[in-house]
Protein backbone atom coordinates (compact mmCIF):
# COMPACT_ATOMS: atom_id res chain seq x y z
CA UNK A 1 0.00 0.00 0.00
CA UNK A 2 1.42 3.36 -1.01
CA UNK A 3 0.87 6.41 1.17
CA UNK A 4 0.07 9.60 -0.70
CA UNK A 5 1.84 12.64 0.70
CA UNK A 6 -0.32 15.71 1.15
CA UNK A 7 0.67 18.65 -1.05
CA UNK A 8 2.94 21.25 0.48
CA UNK A 9 1.35 24.65 0.80
CA UNK A 10 4.65 26.47 0.42
CA UNK A 11 4.50 28.24 3.78
CA UNK A 12 6.98 27.03 6.34
CA UNK A 13 8.25 23.50 6.70
CA UNK A 14 6.47 20.63 5.04
CA UNK A 15 5.12 17.94 7.34
CA UNK A 16 7.80 15.57 6.08
CA UNK A 17 10.61 18.01 6.91
CA UNK A 18 9.02 18.86 10.24
CA UNK A 19 8.93 15.16 11.10
CA UNK A 20 12.63 14.91 10.25
CA UNK A 21 13.28 17.88 12.54
CA UNK A 22 11.36 16.18 15.35
CA UNK A 23 13.38 12.97 15.00
CA UNK A 24 16.59 14.99 14.71
CA UNK A 25 15.92 16.99 17.87
CA UNK A 26 15.02 13.82 19.76
CA UNK A 27 18.22 12.13 18.56
CA UNK A 28 20.30 15.21 19.46
CA UNK A 29 18.99 15.04 23.01
CA UNK A 30 19.90 11.35 23.21
CA UNK A 31 23.33 11.65 21.62
CA UNK A 32 24.35 14.51 23.87
CA UNK A 33 23.60 12.37 26.94
CA UNK A 34 21.09 14.89 28.20
CA UNK A 35 23.32 17.94 27.73
CA UNK A 36 20.92 19.14 25.07
CA UNK A 37 17.92 17.60 26.81
CA UNK A 38 15.97 20.68 25.87
CA UNK A 39 16.17 19.43 22.26
CA UNK A 40 14.24 16.30 23.22
CA UNK A 41 11.65 18.37 25.03
CA UNK A 42 11.41 20.68 22.00
CA UNK A 43 10.77 17.67 19.75
CA UNK A 44 7.92 16.51 21.97
CA UNK A 45 6.41 19.99 22.13
CA UNK A 46 6.58 20.23 18.32
CA UNK A 47 4.98 16.81 17.96
CA UNK A 48 2.12 17.80 20.27
CA UNK A 49 1.63 21.17 18.55
CA UNK A 50 1.58 19.77 15.02
CA UNK A 51 -0.28 16.54 15.72
CA UNK A 52 -3.65 18.07 14.86
CA UNK A 53 -2.30 19.45 11.57
CA UNK A 54 -1.05 16.00 10.63
CA UNK A 55 -4.27 14.17 11.53
CA UNK A 56 -5.17 11.53 8.97
CA UNK A 57 -1.73 11.49 7.37
CA UNK A 58 1.29 9.28 7.65
CA UNK A 59 2.98 11.91 9.79
CA UNK A 60 0.41 11.71 12.57
CA UNK A 61 1.53 8.14 13.20
CA UNK A 62 5.14 9.30 13.41
CA UNK A 63 4.20 12.05 15.89
CA UNK A 64 2.36 9.50 18.04
CA UNK A 65 5.38 7.18 17.78
CA UNK A 66 7.77 9.86 19.06
CA UNK A 67 5.41 10.94 21.84
CA UNK A 68 4.91 7.35 23.05
CA UNK A 69 8.65 6.72 22.87
CA UNK A 70 9.30 9.78 25.03
CA UNK A 71 6.73 9.03 27.73
CA UNK A 72 7.47 5.30 27.99
CA UNK A 73 11.20 6.00 27.92
CA UNK A 74 10.85 8.61 30.65
CA UNK A 75 8.84 6.19 32.79
CA UNK A 76 11.43 3.42 32.42
CA UNK A 77 14.34 5.78 33.05
CA UNK A 78 12.69 7.08 36.24
CA UNK A 79 11.98 3.55 37.44
CA UNK A 80 15.59 2.63 36.65
CA UNK A 81 16.81 5.63 38.62
CA UNK A 82 14.80 4.42 41.60
CA UNK A 83 16.14 0.90 41.13
CA UNK A 84 19.76 2.10 41.34
CA UNK A 85 19.37 1.89 45.10
CA UNK A 86 19.36 -1.89 44.77
CA UNK A 87 22.04 -1.80 42.04
CA UNK A 88 19.64 -3.16 39.43
CA UNK A 89 18.81 0.27 38.00
CA UNK A 90 22.00 0.56 35.98
CA UNK A 91 21.08 -2.51 33.98
CA UNK A 92 17.48 -1.49 33.43
CA UNK A 93 18.59 2.05 32.60
CA UNK A 94 20.87 0.80 29.83
CA UNK A 95 18.10 -1.46 28.52
CA UNK A 96 15.65 1.48 28.52
CA UNK A 97 18.17 3.69 26.72
CA UNK A 98 18.80 1.04 24.07
CA UNK A 99 15.02 0.68 23.60
CA UNK A 100 14.61 4.45 23.15
CA UNK A 101 17.45 4.62 20.61
CA UNK A 102 16.00 1.62 18.77
CA UNK A 103 12.58 3.30 18.52
CA UNK A 104 14.03 6.58 17.27
CA UNK A 105 16.07 4.78 14.60
CA UNK A 106 13.17 2.52 13.60
CA UNK A 107 10.77 5.45 13.32
CA UNK A 108 13.20 7.62 11.39
CA UNK A 109 13.98 4.81 8.95
CA UNK A 110 10.26 4.25 8.42
CA UNK A 111 9.88 7.97 7.67
CA UNK A 112 12.70 7.79 5.13
CA UNK A 113 10.96 4.80 3.53
CA UNK A 114 7.68 6.72 3.41
CA UNK A 115 5.82 4.33 5.68
CA UNK A 116 4.39 4.54 9.19
CA UNK A 117 6.41 3.13 12.06
CA UNK A 118 5.35 -0.40 12.83
CA UNK A 119 4.96 -1.17 16.51
CA UNK A 120 6.80 -4.25 17.54
CA UNK A 121 8.45 -3.20 20.76
Foldseek 3Di string as FASTA:
>chain_A
DAFDADDDPPPDDGLLVLLVQLLVLLVVCLVVVNPSVVSPVVSLVSLVVCLVVQPPHLSNLLSVLSNVLVVVLVVQLVVLVVCVVVPCSVVSNVVSSVVSVVSSVQQVVCSVVNHHRDDDD
